[in-house]
Structures are given as C-alpha cells and as structure tokens.
C-alpha cells in the first residue's frame, strides 16, 4: 500500500513520521520537515525555514548529512492523495567543504534533452583515473538504482563509522526498507 493521505501534505507527513523514527534511532536526532510549495511539497531537514544539513561524526571527521525530496501526489477516485517522489537529493559534506563530497540524485522528469541517468551519483573533488585520464565524479553521472534513505544511513554507519543511536540499528534500517518496498512503492 503506497503512502496516502487526505491531502498531499498529510501524505508527506506520514512519510516524515516514518523517516524521522528511523533517523532518530539510527544516526541523528534531526527531523525532516514538510514544506508546501504548491503544487508539490519539499521534505528536508530545516532550520529557520531553510534546508540544512545535520551534523554527523564519522571516522574521517565531521560531515553534514542532507536528505531532501520533492514530492507530488496522484489523487485516486476515492479522493486520497498517493505520495510520489519527483526528485531526491542526499548529500554528505565534510565540515568546511564548499560542496558535497557525495551526492545521490534522482529526477523523475529530466529535461527533454537530458541524456544522463535519472538515478546517479556525483561528487567533488572525487577524481577517477581512467587510463591516462583524470575525470571528476562531478563531470559524469554514475548510474545507480533508486537509492533509499535507509541505504544512505547504512553507508554512514558501516562505511563512514557514524556511531548508531540504537544497538539494533541494522534491524531498524532493514525493517524500514522492507516496509518501503511493501507499502510505499506503487
């Protein structure tokens, strides 16, 4: 069953309630907030109304985590709104860096002439060596599948060494992902 509500805002709040419970038991006490930007909503960590990163302590030093989604809805015959992700952007930025080190992005409706992958990973100043060439990860759109926020949180804990907020964090992320696959995907 997808995420549904009487309005787009209420459907987005249902998602936020679920995501915040997972976030608050895995890597941060930061809370995602829904902001109406008709005809869509934006979901992100916010401070004074502006999107912000939340701090994480990694084994490589402090980083900022940003989770953001733009959603709309499809209204069913029953009048209920079914939440639909139009875009997402998840980033990790080392403290003091001008740009994110890693950026997972998705665009449901790319511009007409865009030939790049809708689901992709980019990063700066990440350099890739391809034979005798150096290519910046920001210069290409490395294809990925749909990246869930649970995958990003797992990456933060397992690979970046963020100390989890709950001893059963792995089960929490797995169950959240299973719920996403079973209930939220149409």
C-alpha atoms as a PDB file:
ATOM      1  CA  UNK A   1       0.000   0.000   0.000  1.00  0.00           C
ATOM      2  CA  UNK A   2       1.543   3.334  -1.015  1.00  0.00           C
ATOM      3  CA  UNK A   3       1.671   6.348   1.291  1.00  0.00           C
ATOM      4  CA  UNK A   4      -1.719   8.023   1.128  1.00  0.00           C
ATOM      5  CA  UNK A   5      -3.492  10.890   2.829  1.00  0.00           C
ATOM      6  CA  UNK A   6      -6.451  13.258   2.654  1.00  0.00           C
ATOM      7  CA  UNK A   7      -4.068  15.877   1.200  1.00  0.00           C
ATOM      8  CA  UNK A   8      -0.589  15.875  -0.297  1.00  0.00           C
ATOM      9  CA  UNK A   9       0.711  17.492   2.896  1.00  0.00           C
ATOM     10  CA  UNK A  10      -0.820  14.777   5.106  1.00  0.00           C
ATOM     11  CA  UNK A  11       0.621  12.004   2.918  1.00  0.00           C
ATOM     12  CA  UNK A  12       4.054  13.674   3.135  1.00  0.00           C
ATOM     13  CA  UNK A  13       3.695  13.965   6.916  1.00  0.00           C
ATOM     14  CA  UNK A  14       3.071  10.207   7.080  1.00  0.00           C
ATOM     15  CA  UNK A  15       6.358   9.642   5.252  1.00  0.00           C
ATOM     16  CA  UNK A  16       8.171  12.125   7.526  1.00  0.00           C
ATOM     17  CA  UNK A  17       6.853  10.448  10.663  1.00  0.00           C
ATOM     18  CA  UNK A  18       8.201   7.117   9.449  1.00  0.00           C
ATOM     19  CA  UNK A  19      11.543   8.568   8.253  1.00  0.00           C
ATOM     20  CA  UNK A  20      12.083  10.561  11.461  1.00  0.00           C
ATOM     21  CA  UNK A  21      11.514   7.465  13.589  1.00  0.00           C
ATOM     22  CA  UNK A  22      14.190   5.652  11.566  1.00  0.00           C
ATOM     23  CA  UNK A  23      16.579   8.634  11.589  1.00  0.00           C
ATOM     24  CA  UNK A  24      16.203   9.152  15.337  1.00  0.00           C
ATOM     25  CA  UNK A  25      17.062   5.502  16.004  1.00  0.00           C
ATOM     26  CA  UNK A  26      19.990   5.312  13.590  1.00  0.00           C
ATOM     27  CA  UNK A  27      22.199   8.382  13.014  1.00  0.00           C
ATOM     28  CA  UNK A  28      20.617  11.703  14.029  1.00  0.00           C
ATOM     29  CA  UNK A  29      18.024  13.374  16.212  1.00  0.00           C
ATOM     30  CA  UNK A  30      17.475  15.838  13.347  1.00  0.00           C
ATOM     31  CA  UNK A  31      13.947  15.852  11.962  1.00  0.00           C
ATOM     32  CA  UNK A  32      12.672  16.090   8.432  1.00  0.00           C
ATOM     33  CA  UNK A  33      10.036  18.773   7.890  1.00  0.00           C
ATOM     34  CA  UNK A  34       7.368  19.105   5.170  1.00  0.00           C
ATOM     35  CA  UNK A  35       7.052  22.476   3.449  1.00  0.00           C
ATOM     36  CA  UNK A  36       4.250  23.145   0.951  1.00  0.00           C
ATOM     37  CA  UNK A  37       5.462  24.558  -2.361  1.00  0.00           C
ATOM     38  CA  UNK A  38       2.288  24.129  -4.440  1.00  0.00           C
ATOM     39  CA  UNK A  39       1.667  22.008  -6.373  1.00  0.00           C
ATOM     40  CA  UNK A  40       4.360  19.983  -4.594  1.00  0.00           C
ATOM     41  CA  UNK A  41       5.933  19.544  -1.167  1.00  0.00           C
ATOM     42  CA  UNK A  42       9.564  19.625  -0.131  1.00  0.00           C
ATOM     43  CA  UNK A  43      10.852  17.353   2.604  1.00  0.00           C
ATOM     44  CA  UNK A  44      14.195  18.149   4.248  1.00  0.00           C
ATOM     45  CA  UNK A  45      15.966  18.972   7.489  1.00  0.00           C
ATOM     46  CA  UNK A  46      15.218  22.668   8.105  1.00  0.00           C
ATOM     47  CA  UNK A  47      16.313  25.471  10.358  1.00  0.00           C
ATOM     48  CA  UNK A  48      14.615  28.874  10.269  1.00  0.00           C
ATOM     49  CA  UNK A  49      12.670  27.612   7.262  1.00  0.00           C
ATOM     50  CA  UNK A  50      15.779  26.844   5.188  1.00  0.00           C
ATOM     51  CA  UNK A  51      17.069  23.402   4.178  1.00  0.00           C
ATOM     52  CA  UNK A  52      20.120  22.394   6.225  1.00  0.00           C
ATOM     53  CA  UNK A  53      22.494  19.519   6.776  1.00  0.00           C
ATOM     54  CA  UNK A  54      22.557  17.728  10.114  1.00  0.00           C
ATOM     55  CA  UNK A  55      25.961  17.055  11.685  1.00  0.00           C
ATOM     56  CA  UNK A  56      27.428  13.558  11.792  1.00  0.00           C
ATOM     57  CA  UNK A  57      30.662  12.466  13.421  1.00  0.00           C
ATOM     58  CA  UNK A  58      32.402   9.998  11.098  1.00  0.00           C
ATOM     59  CA  UNK A  59      35.708   8.144  11.411  1.00  0.00           C
ATOM     60  CA  UNK A  60      37.007  10.669   8.858  1.00  0.00           C
ATOM     61  CA  UNK A  61      35.846  13.703  10.843  1.00  0.00           C
ATOM     62  CA  UNK A  62      32.661  15.778  10.986  1.00  0.00           C
ATOM     63  CA  UNK A  63      30.317  15.709   7.997  1.00  0.00           C
ATOM     64  CA  UNK A  64      26.933  17.149   7.186  1.00  0.00           C
ATOM     65  CA  UNK A  65      24.092  14.894   6.023  1.00  0.00           C
ATOM     66  CA  UNK A  66      21.350  16.296   3.831  1.00  0.00           C
ATOM     67  CA  UNK A  67      18.228  14.341   2.876  1.00  0.00           C
ATOM     68  CA  UNK A  68      15.800  16.127   0.600  1.00  0.00           C
ATOM     69  CA  UNK A  69      12.842  15.100  -1.500  1.00  0.00           C
ATOM     70  CA  UNK A  70      10.362  16.882  -3.714  1.00  0.00           C
ATOM     71  CA  UNK A  71       7.047  15.061  -3.886  1.00  0.00           C
ATOM     72  CA  UNK A  72       3.684  15.440  -5.515  1.00  0.00           C
ATOM     73  CA  UNK A  73       0.650  13.206  -5.428  1.00  0.00           C
ATOM     74  CA  UNK A  74      -1.768  11.412  -7.643  1.00  0.00           C
ATOM     75  CA  UNK A  75      -5.373  11.728  -6.499  1.00  0.00           C
ATOM     76  CA  UNK A  76      -7.332   8.489  -6.671  1.00  0.00           C
ATOM     77  CA  UNK A  77     -11.028   8.024  -7.354  1.00  0.00           C
ATOM     78  CA  UNK A  78     -11.512   7.854  -3.594  1.00  0.00           C
ATOM     79  CA  UNK A  79     -10.092  11.390  -3.255  1.00  0.00           C
ATOM     80  CA  UNK A  80      -6.976  10.231  -1.388  1.00  0.00           C
ATOM     81  CA  UNK A  81      -3.555  11.539  -2.385  1.00  0.00           C
ATOM     82  CA  UNK A  82      -0.859   8.958  -3.139  1.00  0.00           C
ATOM     83  CA  UNK A  83       2.631  10.344  -2.459  1.00  0.00           C
ATOM     84  CA  UNK A  84       5.096  10.272  -5.363  1.00  0.00           C
ATOM     85  CA  UNK A  85       8.786  11.213  -5.261  1.00  0.00           C
ATOM     86  CA  UNK A  86       9.625  13.597  -8.102  1.00  0.00           C
ATOM     87  CA  UNK A  87      13.217  14.308  -7.048  1.00  0.00           C
ATOM     88  CA  UNK A  88      15.591  13.382  -4.282  1.00  0.00           C
ATOM     89  CA  UNK A  89      18.994  14.633  -3.274  1.00  0.00           C
ATOM     90  CA  UNK A  90      21.039  13.027  -0.496  1.00  0.00           C
ATOM     91  CA  UNK A  91      24.448  14.518   0.248  1.00  0.00           C
ATOM     92  CA  UNK A  92      27.428  14.099   2.555  1.00  0.00           C
ATOM     93  CA  UNK A  93      29.643  17.141   3.009  1.00  0.00           C
ATOM     94  CA  UNK A  94      32.879  17.189   5.033  1.00  0.00           C
ATOM     95  CA  UNK A  95      32.888  20.027   7.567  1.00  0.00           C
ATOM     96  CA  UNK A  96      34.202  23.197   5.932  1.00  0.00           C
ATOM     97  CA  UNK A  97      33.932  21.863   2.369  1.00  0.00           C
ATOM     98  CA  UNK A  98      32.223  24.201  -0.105  1.00  0.00           C
ATOM     99  CA  UNK A  99      30.384  21.337  -1.847  1.00  0.00           C
ATOM    100  CA  UNK A 100      29.223  17.830  -1.017  1.00  0.00           C
ATOM    101  CA  UNK A 101      31.746  15.026  -1.296  1.00  0.00           C
ATOM    102  CA  UNK A 102      28.983  12.645  -2.435  1.00  0.00           C
ATOM    103  CA  UNK A 103      25.615  13.449  -3.936  1.00  0.00           C
ATOM    104  CA  UNK A 104      22.942  10.874  -4.797  1.00  0.00           C
ATOM    105  CA  UNK A 105      20.281  12.377  -7.054  1.00  0.00           C
ATOM    106  CA  UNK A 106      17.126  11.343  -8.826  1.00  0.00           C
ATOM    107  CA  UNK A 107      14.862  13.230 -11.206  1.00  0.00           C
ATOM    108  CA  UNK A 108      11.607  11.601 -12.297  1.00  0.00           C
ATOM    109  CA  UNK A 109      11.158  14.026 -15.180  1.00  0.00           C
ATOM    110  CA  UNK A 110      14.561  15.062 -16.581  1.00  0.00           C
ATOM    111  CA  UNK A 111      14.651  17.982 -19.028  1.00  0.00           C
ATOM    112  CA  UNK A 112      13.740  16.956 -22.608  1.00  0.00           C
ATOM    113  CA  UNK A 113      17.331  16.992 -23.924  1.00  0.00           C
ATOM    114  CA  UNK A 114      18.937  15.411 -20.855  1.00  0.00           C
ATOM    115  CA  UNK A 115      20.681  12.201 -21.777  1.00  0.00           C
ATOM    116  CA  UNK A 116      22.147  11.467 -18.313  1.00  0.00           C
ATOM    117  CA  UNK A 117      20.874   8.787 -15.956  1.00  0.00           C
ATOM    118  CA  UNK A 118      17.886   9.813 -13.829  1.00  0.00           C
ATOM    119  CA  UNK A 119      19.380   7.960 -10.819  1.00  0.00           C
ATOM    120  CA  UNK A 120      23.016   8.894 -10.349  1.00  0.00           C
ATOM    121  CA  UNK A 121      25.928   9.577  -8.012  1.00  0.00           C
ATOM    122  CA  UNK A 122      28.213  12.574  -8.300  1.00  0.00           C
ATOM    123  CA  UNK A 123      30.889  14.048  -6.083  1.00  0.00           C
ATOM    124  CA  UNK A 124      33.557  16.656  -5.695  1.00  0.00           C
ATOM    125  CA  UNK A 125      36.551  16.642  -5.557  1.00  0.00           C
ATOM    126  CA  UNK A 126      36.414  12.908  -6.293  1.00  0.00           C
ATOM    127  CA  UNK A 127      38.706  12.088  -9.229  1.00  0.00           C
ATOM    128  CA  UNK A 128      38.544   8.884 -11.243  1.00  0.00           C
ATOM    129  CA  UNK A 129      41.577   7.566 -13.129  1.00  0.00           C
ATOM    130  CA  UNK A 130      40.564   6.086 -16.466  1.00  0.00           C
ATOM    131  CA  UNK A 131      43.708   5.008 -18.322  1.00  0.00           C
ATOM    132  CA  UNK A 132      45.718   8.202 -18.651  1.00  0.00           C
ATOM    133  CA  UNK A 133      42.742  10.480 -17.994  1.00  0.00           C
ATOM    134  CA  UNK A 134      41.511  12.028 -14.759  1.00  0.00           C
ATOM    135  CA  UNK A 135      37.770  12.622 -14.701  1.00  0.00           C
ATOM    136  CA  UNK A 136      35.959  14.346 -11.864  1.00  0.00           C
ATOM    137  CA  UNK A 137      32.950  12.478 -10.498  1.00  0.00           C
ATOM    138  CA  UNK A 138      31.050  15.756 -10.877  1.00  0.00           C
ATOM    139  CA  UNK A 139      31.695  15.635 -14.632  1.00  0.00           C
ATOM    140  CA  UNK A 140      29.797  12.379 -15.059  1.00  0.00           C
ATOM    141  CA  UNK A 141      26.533  10.904 -13.803  1.00  0.00           C
ATOM    142  CA  UNK A 142      27.490   7.498 -12.397  1.00  0.00           C
ATOM    143  CA  UNK A 143      24.356   5.350 -12.720  1.00  0.00           C
ATOM    144  CA  UNK A 144      22.744   3.911  -9.617  1.00  0.00           C
ATOM    145  CA  UNK A 145      19.406   2.337  -8.916  1.00  0.00           C
ATOM    146  CA  UNK A 146      16.851   4.094  -6.773  1.00  0.00           C
ATOM    147  CA  UNK A 147      18.733   4.940  -3.556  1.00  0.00           C
ATOM    148  CA  UNK A 148      16.668   4.832  -0.384  1.00  0.00           C
ATOM    149  CA  UNK A 149      17.453   6.978   2.624  1.00  0.00           C
ATOM    150  CA  UNK A 150      17.967   3.721   4.557  1.00  0.00           C
ATOM    151  CA  UNK A 151      20.828   2.837   2.181  1.00  0.00           C
ATOM    152  CA  UNK A 152      22.469   6.210   2.836  1.00  0.00           C
ATOM    153  CA  UNK A 153      22.100   5.784   6.618  1.00  0.00           C
ATOM    154  CA  UNK A 154      23.590   2.269   6.424  1.00  0.00           C
ATOM    155  CA  UNK A 155      26.527   3.693   4.422  1.00  0.00           C
ATOM    156  CA  UNK A 156      27.050   6.346   7.109  1.00  0.00           C
ATOM    157  CA  UNK A 157      27.187   3.739   9.886  1.00  0.00           C
ATOM    158  CA  UNK A 158      29.047   0.891   8.160  1.00  0.00           C
ATOM    159  CA  UNK A 159      31.456   2.732   5.878  1.00  0.00           C
ATOM    160  CA  UNK A 160      31.853   6.139   7.490  1.00  0.00           C
ATOM    161  CA  UNK A 161      31.832   4.875  11.073  1.00  0.00           C
ATOM    162  CA  UNK A 162      28.973   7.011  12.402  1.00  0.00           C
ATOM    163  CA  UNK A 163      28.068   5.690  15.831  1.00  0.00           C
ATOM    164  CA  UNK A 164      24.483   4.383  15.689  1.00  0.00           C
ATOM    165  CA  UNK A 165      21.941   5.760  18.144  1.00  0.00           C
ATOM    166  CA  UNK A 166      20.359   2.359  18.798  1.00  0.00           C
ATOM    167  CA  UNK A 167      22.029  -1.047  19.243  1.00  0.00           C
ATOM    168  CA  UNK A 168      19.566  -2.679  16.837  1.00  0.00           C
ATOM    169  CA  UNK A 169      20.109  -0.095  14.080  1.00  0.00           C
ATOM    170  CA  UNK A 170      20.621  -2.729  11.365  1.00  0.00           C
ATOM    171  CA  UNK A 171      17.236  -4.335  12.035  1.00  0.00           C
ATOM    172  CA  UNK A 172      15.600  -0.891  12.173  1.00  0.00           C
ATOM    173  CA  UNK A 173      17.013   0.013   8.738  1.00  0.00           C
ATOM    174  CA  UNK A 174      16.164  -3.398   7.264  1.00  0.00           C
ATOM    175  CA  UNK A 175      12.566  -3.274   8.520  1.00  0.00           C
ATOM    176  CA  UNK A 176      12.160   0.283   7.286  1.00  0.00           C
ATOM    177  CA  UNK A 177      13.433  -0.717   3.853  1.00  0.00           C
ATOM    178  CA  UNK A 178      11.140  -3.756   3.794  1.00  0.00           C
ATOM    179  CA  UNK A 179       8.219  -1.515   4.734  1.00  0.00           C
ATOM    180  CA  UNK A 180       9.206   0.911   1.970  1.00  0.00           C
ATOM    181  CA  UNK A 181       9.237  -1.916  -0.588  1.00  0.00           C
ATOM    182  CA  UNK A 182       5.995  -3.478   0.665  1.00  0.00           C
ATOM    183  CA  UNK A 183       3.907  -0.400   1.456  1.00  0.00           C
ATOM    184  CA  UNK A 184       5.276   2.723  -0.168  1.00  0.00           C
ATOM    185  CA  UNK A 185       6.175   1.609  -3.680  1.00  0.00           C
ATOM    186  CA  UNK A 186       3.442   1.652  -6.281  1.00  0.00           C
END
